[in-house]
PDB file of N, CA and C in Angstrom:
ATOM      1  N   MET A   1     -91.242  58.991 -85.463  1.00  0.00           N
ATOM      2  CA  MET A   1     -92.086  59.921 -86.183  1.00  0.00           C
ATOM      3  C   MET A   1     -91.428  60.286 -87.504  1.00  0.00           C
ATOM      4  N   ALA A   2     -92.193  60.353 -88.553  1.00  0.00           N
ATOM      5  CA  ALA A   2     -91.671  60.675 -89.876  1.00  0.00           C
ATOM      6  C   ALA A   2     -91.250  62.141 -89.932  1.00  0.00           C
ATOM      7  N   LYS A   3     -90.196  62.404 -90.681  1.00  0.00           N
ATOM      8  CA  LYS A   3     -89.718  63.763 -90.859  1.00  0.00           C
ATOM      9  C   LYS A   3     -90.605  64.489 -91.851  1.00  0.00           C
ATOM     10  N   SER A   4     -90.608  65.793 -91.771  1.00  0.00           N
ATOM     11  CA  SER A   4     -91.399  66.573 -92.717  1.00  0.00           C
ATOM     12  C   SER A   4     -90.738  66.556 -94.082  1.00  0.00           C
ATOM     13  N   ASP A   5     -91.510  66.898 -95.105  1.00  0.00           N
ATOM     14  CA  ASP A   5     -90.961  66.975 -96.451  1.00  0.00           C
ATOM     15  C   ASP A   5     -89.847  68.008 -96.524  1.00  0.00           C
ATOM     16  N   ALA A   6     -89.984  69.098 -95.782  1.00  0.00           N
ATOM     17  CA  ALA A   6     -88.944  70.134 -95.773  1.00  0.00           C
ATOM     18  C   ALA A   6     -87.653  69.580 -95.182  1.00  0.00           C
ATOM     19  N   ASP A   7     -87.764  68.787 -94.093  1.00  0.00           N
ATOM     20  CA  ASP A   7     -86.579  68.171 -93.501  1.00  0.00           C
ATOM     21  C   ASP A   7     -85.913  67.222 -94.486  1.00  0.00           C
ATOM     22  N   ALA A   8     -86.726  66.420 -95.169  1.00  0.00           N
ATOM     23  CA  ALA A   8     -86.185  65.454 -96.120  1.00  0.00           C
ATOM     24  C   ALA A   8     -85.494  66.161 -97.264  1.00  0.00           C
ATOM     25  N   THR A   9     -86.075  67.259 -97.739  1.00  0.00           N
ATOM     26  CA  THR A   9     -85.456  68.018 -98.826  1.00  0.00           C
ATOM     27  C   THR A   9     -84.129  68.596 -98.377  1.00  0.00           C
ATOM     28  N   ALA A  10     -84.091  69.119 -97.163  1.00  0.00           N
ATOM     29  CA  ALA A  10     -82.849  69.702 -96.649  1.00  0.00           C
ATOM     30  C   ALA A  10     -81.758  68.655 -96.525  1.00  0.00           C
ATOM     31  N   GLU A  11     -82.122  67.438 -96.074  1.00  0.00           N
ATOM     32  CA  GLU A  11     -81.136  66.374 -95.897  1.00  0.00           C
ATOM     33  C   GLU A  11     -80.623  65.817 -97.215  1.00  0.00           C
ATOM     34  N   THR A  12     -81.494  65.697 -98.190  1.00  0.00           N
ATOM     35  CA  THR A  12     -81.100  65.072 -99.446  1.00  0.00           C
ATOM     36  C   THR A  12     -80.529  66.057-100.442  1.00  0.00           C
ATOM     37  N   GLY A  13     -80.735  67.353-100.203  1.00  0.00           N
ATOM     38  CA  GLY A  13     -80.219  68.347-101.134  1.00  0.00           C
ATOM     39  C   GLY A  13     -80.921  68.342-102.470  1.00  0.00           C
ATOM     40  N   VAL A  14     -82.177  67.942-102.492  1.00  0.00           N
ATOM     41  CA  VAL A  14     -82.905  67.830-103.749  1.00  0.00           C
ATOM     42  C   VAL A  14     -82.908  69.137-104.516  1.00  0.00           C
ATOM     43  N   ASN A  15     -83.027  70.257-103.817  1.00  0.00           N
ATOM     44  CA  ASN A  15     -83.110  71.549-104.485  1.00  0.00           C
ATOM     45  C   ASN A  15     -81.777  72.265-104.611  1.00  0.00           C
ATOM     46  N   SER A  16     -80.675  71.636-104.267  1.00  0.00           N
ATOM     47  CA  SER A  16     -79.386  72.318-104.281  1.00  0.00           C
ATOM     48  C   SER A  16     -78.864  72.490-105.697  1.00  0.00           C
ATOM     49  N   GLY A  17     -79.191  73.633-106.298  1.00  0.00           N
ATOM     50  CA  GLY A  17     -78.657  73.968-107.615  1.00  0.00           C
ATOM     51  C   GLY A  17     -79.308  73.249-108.776  1.00  0.00           C
ATOM     52  N   SER A  18     -80.354  72.502-108.543  1.00  0.00           N
ATOM     53  CA  SER A  18     -81.004  71.782-109.635  1.00  0.00           C
ATOM     54  C   SER A  18     -82.391  72.371-109.877  1.00  0.00           C
ATOM     55  N   ALA A  19     -83.012  71.925-110.936  1.00  0.00           N
ATOM     56  CA  ALA A  19     -84.369  72.358-111.231  1.00  0.00           C
ATOM     57  C   ALA A  19     -85.283  71.919-110.097  1.00  0.00           C
ATOM     58  N   PRO A  20     -86.355  72.653-109.861  1.00  0.00           N
ATOM     59  CA  PRO A  20     -87.258  72.255-108.779  1.00  0.00           C
ATOM     60  C   PRO A  20     -87.887  70.899-109.072  1.00  0.00           C
ATOM     61  N   PRO A  21     -88.203  70.130-108.022  1.00  0.00           N
ATOM     62  CA  PRO A  21     -88.821  68.828-108.234  1.00  0.00           C
ATOM     63  C   PRO A  21     -90.177  68.972-108.919  1.00  0.00           C
ATOM     64  N   ARG A  22     -90.524  67.985-109.713  1.00  0.00           N
ATOM     65  CA  ARG A  22     -91.851  67.944-110.338  1.00  0.00           C
ATOM     66  C   ARG A  22     -92.801  67.179-109.446  1.00  0.00           C
ATOM     67  N   ARG A  23     -94.009  67.625-109.372  1.00  0.00           N
ATOM     68  CA  ARG A  23     -95.034  66.917-108.605  1.00  0.00           C
ATOM     69  C   ARG A  23     -95.777  65.979-109.544  1.00  0.00           C
ATOM     70  N   ILE A  24     -95.991  64.751-109.070  1.00  0.00           N
ATOM     71  CA  ILE A  24     -96.744  63.772-109.853  1.00  0.00           C
ATOM     72  C   ILE A  24     -97.763  63.101-108.938  1.00  0.00           C
ATOM     73  N   ASN A  25     -98.809  62.623-109.520  1.00  0.00           N
ATOM     74  CA  ASN A  25     -99.790  61.813-108.795  1.00  0.00           C
ATOM     75  C   ASN A  25     -99.707  60.405-109.357  1.00  0.00           C
ATOM     76  N   VAL A  26     -99.537  59.441-108.473  1.00  0.00           N
ATOM     77  CA  VAL A  26     -99.369  58.062-108.906  1.00  0.00           C
ATOM     78  C   VAL A  26    -100.265  57.164-108.061  1.00  0.00           C
ATOM     79  N   ALA A  27    -101.025  56.313-108.722  1.00  0.00           N
ATOM     80  CA  ALA A  27    -101.808  55.312-108.002  1.00  0.00           C
ATOM     81  C   ALA A  27    -100.894  54.129-107.701  1.00  0.00           C
ATOM     82  N   VAL A  28    -100.923  53.654-106.461  1.00  0.00           N
ATOM     83  CA  VAL A  28    -100.076  52.532-106.073  1.00  0.00           C
ATOM     84  C   VAL A  28    -100.945  51.398-105.533  1.00  0.00           C
ATOM     85  N   THR A  29    -100.441  50.185-105.693  1.00  0.00           N
ATOM     86  CA  THR A  29    -101.131  49.003-105.176  1.00  0.00           C
ATOM     87  C   THR A  29    -100.884  48.890-103.669  1.00  0.00           C
ATOM     88  N   PRO A  30    -101.648  48.070-102.983  1.00  0.00           N
ATOM     89  CA  PRO A  30    -101.383  47.847-101.557  1.00  0.00           C
ATOM     90  C   PRO A  30     -99.964  47.328-101.296  1.00  0.00           C
ATOM     91  N   ASP A  31     -99.436  46.479-102.176  1.00  0.00           N
ATOM     92  CA  ASP A  31     -98.066  45.976-102.006  1.00  0.00           C
ATOM     93  C   ASP A  31     -97.044  47.105-102.126  1.00  0.00           C
ATOM     94  N   MET A  32     -97.265  48.015-103.076  1.00  0.00           N
ATOM     95  CA  MET A  32     -96.358  49.155-103.231  1.00  0.00           C
ATOM     96  C   MET A  32     -96.418  50.061-102.001  1.00  0.00           C
ATOM     97  N   MET A  33     -97.632  50.282-101.481  1.00  0.00           N
ATOM     98  CA  MET A  33     -97.779  51.123-100.292  1.00  0.00           C
ATOM     99  C   MET A  33     -97.114  50.470 -99.093  1.00  0.00           C
ATOM    100  N   ALA A  34     -97.177  49.141 -99.010  1.00  0.00           N
ATOM    101  CA  ALA A  34     -96.507  48.432 -97.922  1.00  0.00           C
ATOM    102  C   ALA A  34     -94.995  48.632 -98.003  1.00  0.00           C
ATOM    103  N   ALA A  35     -94.446  48.635 -99.214  1.00  0.00           N
ATOM    104  CA  ALA A  35     -93.009  48.873 -99.390  1.00  0.00           C
ATOM    105  C   ALA A  35     -92.647  50.285 -98.940  1.00  0.00           C
ATOM    106  N   ILE A  36     -93.472  51.244 -99.304  1.00  0.00           N
ATOM    107  CA  ILE A  36     -93.241  52.631 -98.891  1.00  0.00           C
ATOM    108  C   ILE A  36     -93.318  52.746 -97.374  1.00  0.00           C
ATOM    109  N   ASP A  37     -94.326  52.121 -96.789  1.00  0.00           N
ATOM    110  CA  ASP A  37     -94.487  52.159 -95.332  1.00  0.00           C
ATOM    111  C   ASP A  37     -93.295  51.532 -94.608  1.00  0.00           C
ATOM    112  N   ARG A  38     -92.726  50.452 -95.172  1.00  0.00           N
ATOM    113  CA  ARG A  38     -91.540  49.835 -94.558  1.00  0.00           C
ATOM    114  C   ARG A  38     -90.379  50.825 -94.498  1.00  0.00           C
ATOM    115  N   VAL A  39     -90.169  51.559 -95.581  1.00  0.00           N
ATOM    116  CA  VAL A  39     -89.067  52.527 -95.604  1.00  0.00           C
ATOM    117  C   VAL A  39     -89.345  53.649 -94.600  1.00  0.00           C
ATOM    118  N   ILE A  40     -90.577  54.119 -94.542  1.00  0.00           N
ATOM    119  CA  ILE A  40     -90.939  55.174 -93.592  1.00  0.00           C
ATOM    120  C   ILE A  40     -90.641  54.725 -92.169  1.00  0.00           C
ATOM    121  N   GLU A  41     -91.069  53.525 -91.820  1.00  0.00           N
ATOM    122  CA  GLU A  41     -90.884  53.022 -90.457  1.00  0.00           C
ATOM    123  C   GLU A  41     -89.427  52.732 -90.136  1.00  0.00           C
ATOM    124  N   ARG A  42     -88.734  52.052 -91.031  1.00  0.00           N
ATOM    125  CA  ARG A  42     -87.350  51.625 -90.748  1.00  0.00           C
ATOM    126  C   ARG A  42     -86.355  52.772 -90.792  1.00  0.00           C
ATOM    127  N   GLU A  43     -86.597  53.758 -91.656  1.00  0.00           N
ATOM    128  CA  GLU A  43     -85.620  54.830 -91.832  1.00  0.00           C
ATOM    129  C   GLU A  43     -86.076  56.156 -91.232  1.00  0.00           C
ATOM    130  N   GLY A  44     -87.305  56.203 -90.726  1.00  0.00           N
ATOM    131  CA  GLY A  44     -87.792  57.409 -90.069  1.00  0.00           C
ATOM    132  C   GLY A  44     -87.863  58.609 -90.989  1.00  0.00           C
ATOM    133  N   VAL A  45     -88.357  58.401 -92.201  1.00  0.00           N
ATOM    134  CA  VAL A  45     -88.423  59.485 -93.183  1.00  0.00           C
ATOM    135  C   VAL A  45     -89.880  59.758 -93.558  1.00  0.00           C
ATOM    136  N   SER A  46     -90.093  60.852 -94.273  1.00  0.00           N
ATOM    137  CA  SER A  46     -91.430  61.208 -94.738  1.00  0.00           C
ATOM    138  C   SER A  46     -91.852  60.312 -95.898  1.00  0.00           C
ATOM    139  N   LEU A  47     -93.118  60.370 -96.213  1.00  0.00           N
ATOM    140  CA  LEU A  47     -93.651  59.648 -97.369  1.00  0.00           C
ATOM    141  C   LEU A  47     -92.905  60.050 -98.634  1.00  0.00           C
ATOM    142  N   THR A  48     -92.723  61.345 -98.809  1.00  0.00           N
ATOM    143  CA  THR A  48     -92.028  61.835-100.005  1.00  0.00           C
ATOM    144  C   THR A  48     -90.611  61.281-100.089  1.00  0.00           C
ATOM    145  N   GLU A  49     -89.889  61.316 -98.977  1.00  0.00           N
ATOM    146  CA  GLU A  49     -88.512  60.827 -98.977  1.00  0.00           C
ATOM    147  C   GLU A  49     -88.464  59.320 -99.200  1.00  0.00           C
ATOM    148  N   ALA A  50     -89.417  58.588 -98.655  1.00  0.00           N
ATOM    149  CA  ALA A  50     -89.453  57.140 -98.870  1.00  0.00           C
ATOM    150  C   ALA A  50     -89.643  56.820-100.348  1.00  0.00           C
ATOM    151  N   VAL A  51     -90.539  57.536-101.006  1.00  0.00           N
ATOM    152  CA  VAL A  51     -90.757  57.320-102.444  1.00  0.00           C
ATOM    153  C   VAL A  51     -89.501  57.681-103.218  1.00  0.00           C
ATOM    154  N   ARG A  52     -88.854  58.790-102.868  1.00  0.00           N
ATOM    155  CA  ARG A  52     -87.605  59.180-103.543  1.00  0.00           C
ATOM    156  C   ARG A  52     -86.548  58.091-103.411  1.00  0.00           C
ATOM    157  N   ARG A  53     -86.397  57.569-102.203  1.00  0.00           N
ATOM    158  CA  ARG A  53     -85.386  56.522-101.984  1.00  0.00           C
ATOM    159  C   ARG A  53     -85.693  55.268-102.782  1.00  0.00           C
ATOM    160  N   LEU A  54     -86.948  54.831-102.765  1.00  0.00           N
ATOM    161  CA  LEU A  54     -87.301  53.625-103.507  1.00  0.00           C
ATOM    162  C   LEU A  54     -87.114  53.813-105.008  1.00  0.00           C
ATOM    163  N   ILE A  55     -87.404  54.992-105.514  1.00  0.00           N
ATOM    164  CA  ILE A  55     -87.152  55.272-106.936  1.00  0.00           C
ATOM    165  C   ILE A  55     -85.656  55.210-107.205  1.00  0.00           C
ATOM    166  N   GLY A  56     -84.862  55.771-106.309  1.00  0.00           N
ATOM    167  CA  GLY A  56     -83.408  55.717-106.473  1.00  0.00           C
ATOM    168  C   GLY A  56     -82.877  54.294-106.461  1.00  0.00           C
ATOM    169  N   TYR A  57     -83.368  53.465-105.528  1.00  0.00           N
ATOM    170  CA  TYR A  57     -82.935  52.073-105.480  1.00  0.00           C
ATOM    171  C   TYR A  57     -83.325  51.356-106.766  1.00  0.00           C
ATOM    172  N   GLY A  58     -84.538  51.592-107.209  1.00  0.00           N
ATOM    173  CA  GLY A  58     -85.012  50.964-108.442  1.00  0.00           C
ATOM    174  C   GLY A  58     -84.206  51.394-109.648  1.00  0.00           C
ATOM    175  N   ASP A  59     -83.796  52.663-109.676  1.00  0.00           N
ATOM    176  CA  ASP A  59     -82.997  53.158-110.789  1.00  0.00           C
ATOM    177  C   ASP A  59     -81.636  52.470-110.847  1.00  0.00           C
ATOM    178  N   VAL A  60     -81.041  52.227-109.688  1.00  0.00           N
ATOM    179  CA  VAL A  60     -79.756  51.519-109.641  1.00  0.00           C
ATOM    180  C   VAL A  60     -79.903  50.121-110.241  1.00  0.00           C
ATOM    181  N   VAL A  61     -80.956  49.425-109.830  1.00  0.00           N
ATOM    182  CA  VAL A  61     -81.199  48.075-110.342  1.00  0.00           C
ATOM    183  C   VAL A  61     -81.476  48.122-111.842  1.00  0.00           C
ATOM    184  N   TYR A  62     -82.349  49.023-112.255  1.00  0.00           N
ATOM    185  CA  TYR A  62     -82.729  49.128-113.665  1.00  0.00           C
ATOM    186  C   TYR A  62     -81.517  49.407-114.552  1.00  0.00           C
ATOM    187  N   ARG A  63     -80.700  50.372-114.168  1.00  0.00           N
ATOM    188  CA  ARG A  63     -79.535  50.717-114.989  1.00  0.00           C
ATOM    189  C   ARG A  63     -78.543  49.567-115.084  1.00  0.00           C
ATOM    190  N   ALA A  64     -78.305  48.905-113.955  1.00  0.00           N
ATOM    191  CA  ALA A  64     -77.359  47.787-113.958  1.00  0.00           C
ATOM    192  C   ALA A  64     -77.823  46.684-114.895  1.00  0.00           C
ATOM    193  N   VAL A  65     -79.085  46.317-114.783  1.00  0.00           N
ATOM    194  CA  VAL A  65     -79.586  45.167-115.530  1.00  0.00           C
ATOM    195  C   VAL A  65     -79.932  45.527-116.965  1.00  0.00           C
ATOM    196  N   ARG A  66     -80.649  46.606-117.182  1.00  0.00           N
ATOM    197  CA  ARG A  66     -81.144  46.943-118.520  1.00  0.00           C
ATOM    198  C   ARG A  66     -80.145  47.717-119.371  1.00  0.00           C
ATOM    199  N   GLU A  67     -79.448  48.673-118.774  1.00  0.00           N
ATOM    200  CA  GLU A  67     -78.558  49.515-119.570  1.00  0.00           C
ATOM    201  C   GLU A  67     -77.149  48.949-119.707  1.00  0.00           C
ATOM    202  N   ARG A  68     -76.645  48.332-118.630  1.00  0.00           N
ATOM    203  CA  ARG A  68     -75.263  47.830-118.666  1.00  0.00           C
ATOM    204  C   ARG A  68     -75.190  46.317-118.809  1.00  0.00           C
ATOM    205  N   ASP A  69     -76.350  45.664-118.891  1.00  0.00           N
ATOM    206  CA  ASP A  69     -76.421  44.214-119.064  1.00  0.00           C
ATOM    207  C   ASP A  69     -75.600  43.478-118.010  1.00  0.00           C
ATOM    208  N   GLU A  70     -75.690  43.952-116.771  1.00  0.00           N
ATOM    209  CA  GLU A  70     -74.961  43.338-115.668  1.00  0.00           C
ATOM    210  C   GLU A  70     -75.856  42.358-114.927  1.00  0.00           C
ATOM    211  N   ASP A  71     -75.249  41.406-114.241  1.00  0.00           N
ATOM    212  CA  ASP A  71     -75.976  40.523-113.342  1.00  0.00           C
ATOM    213  C   ASP A  71     -75.995  41.193-111.976  1.00  0.00           C
ATOM    214  N   LEU A  72     -77.128  41.133-111.339  1.00  0.00           N
ATOM    215  CA  LEU A  72     -77.255  41.694-109.999  1.00  0.00           C
ATOM    216  C   LEU A  72     -77.472  40.542-109.037  1.00  0.00           C
ATOM    217  N   LEU A  73     -76.607  40.419-108.051  1.00  0.00           N
ATOM    218  CA  LEU A  73     -76.609  39.280-107.147  1.00  0.00           C
ATOM    219  C   LEU A  73     -76.815  39.769-105.718  1.00  0.00           C
ATOM    220  N   LEU A  74     -77.763  39.147-105.023  1.00  0.00           N
ATOM    221  CA  LEU A  74     -77.975  39.423-103.601  1.00  0.00           C
ATOM    222  C   LEU A  74     -77.390  38.274-102.810  1.00  0.00           C
ATOM    223  N   ARG A  75     -76.594  38.608-101.809  1.00  0.00           N
ATOM    224  CA  ARG A  75     -75.992  37.573-100.964  1.00  0.00           C
ATOM    225  C   ARG A  75     -76.419  37.822 -99.526  1.00  0.00           C
ATOM    226  N   ALA A  76     -77.072  36.842 -98.909  1.00  0.00           N
ATOM    227  CA  ALA A  76     -77.533  36.939 -97.526  1.00  0.00           C
ATOM    228  C   ALA A  76     -76.370  36.670 -96.573  1.00  0.00           C
ATOM    229  N   ALA A  77     -76.578  37.015 -95.318  1.00  0.00           N
ATOM    230  CA  ALA A  77     -75.536  36.803 -94.305  1.00  0.00           C
ATOM    231  C   ALA A  77     -75.141  35.337 -94.195  1.00  0.00           C
ATOM    232  N   ASP A  78     -76.084  34.429 -94.498  1.00  0.00           N
ATOM    233  CA  ASP A  78     -75.776  32.997 -94.406  1.00  0.00           C
ATOM    234  C   ASP A  78     -75.099  32.452 -95.663  1.00  0.00           C
ATOM    235  N   GLY A  79     -74.806  33.331 -96.631  1.00  0.00           N
ATOM    236  CA  GLY A  79     -74.118  32.921 -97.843  1.00  0.00           C
ATOM    237  C   GLY A  79     -75.015  32.556 -99.004  1.00  0.00           C
ATOM    238  N   LYS A  80     -76.308  32.446 -98.768  1.00  0.00           N
ATOM    239  CA  LYS A  80     -77.226  32.135 -99.865  1.00  0.00           C
ATOM    240  C   LYS A  80     -77.267  33.302-100.840  1.00  0.00           C
ATOM    241  N   GLU A  81     -77.342  32.965-102.121  1.00  0.00           N
ATOM    242  CA  GLU A  81     -77.335  33.993-103.157  1.00  0.00           C
ATOM    243  C   GLU A  81     -78.576  33.898-104.030  1.00  0.00           C
ATOM    244  N   ARG A  82     -79.016  35.068-104.527  1.00  0.00           N
ATOM    245  CA  ARG A  82     -80.128  35.150-105.476  1.00  0.00           C
ATOM    246  C   ARG A  82     -79.749  36.149-106.558  1.00  0.00           C
ATOM    247  N   GLN A  83     -80.060  35.822-107.772  1.00  0.00           N
ATOM    248  CA  GLN A  83     -79.813  36.722-108.895  1.00  0.00           C
ATOM    249  C   GLN A  83     -81.090  37.499-109.189  1.00  0.00           C
ATOM    250  N   ILE A  84     -80.960  38.809-109.390  1.00  0.00           N
ATOM    251  CA  ILE A  84     -82.106  39.662-109.716  1.00  0.00           C
ATOM    252  C   ILE A  84     -82.243  39.721-111.228  1.00  0.00           C
ATOM    253  N   MET A  85     -83.455  39.438-111.698  1.00  0.00           N
ATOM    254  CA  MET A  85     -83.737  39.497-113.131  1.00  0.00           C
ATOM    255  C   MET A  85     -84.954  40.379-113.352  1.00  0.00           C
ATOM    256  N   LEU A  86     -84.902  41.245-114.334  1.00  0.00           N
ATOM    257  CA  LEU A  86     -86.046  42.060-114.718  1.00  0.00           C
ATOM    258  C   LEU A  86     -86.681  41.437-115.938  1.00  0.00           C
ATOM    259  N   VAL A  87     -87.983  41.252-115.893  1.00  0.00           N
ATOM    260  CA  VAL A  87     -88.692  40.661-117.035  1.00  0.00           C
ATOM    261  C   VAL A  87     -89.638  41.659-117.638  1.00  0.00           C
TER     262      VAL A  87
END
């Protein structure tokens, strides 16, 4: 069962000493919703927390590739590698 937004806020410390979160409305594609649903199911978090996590993951990738001009490499357990590129 997914955790409530209040539980997710308490766990992540979103409101700990920072400005209150901003509310936004965003239209998402079915593929984006499927990604959100995967995080909800696999990590047992609320919709809000799943979106927060995916934004955080995306920010890590974006900063590495766009701001620091780094290569991002994914390596599978079998040793196969893939390079992440943003276009």
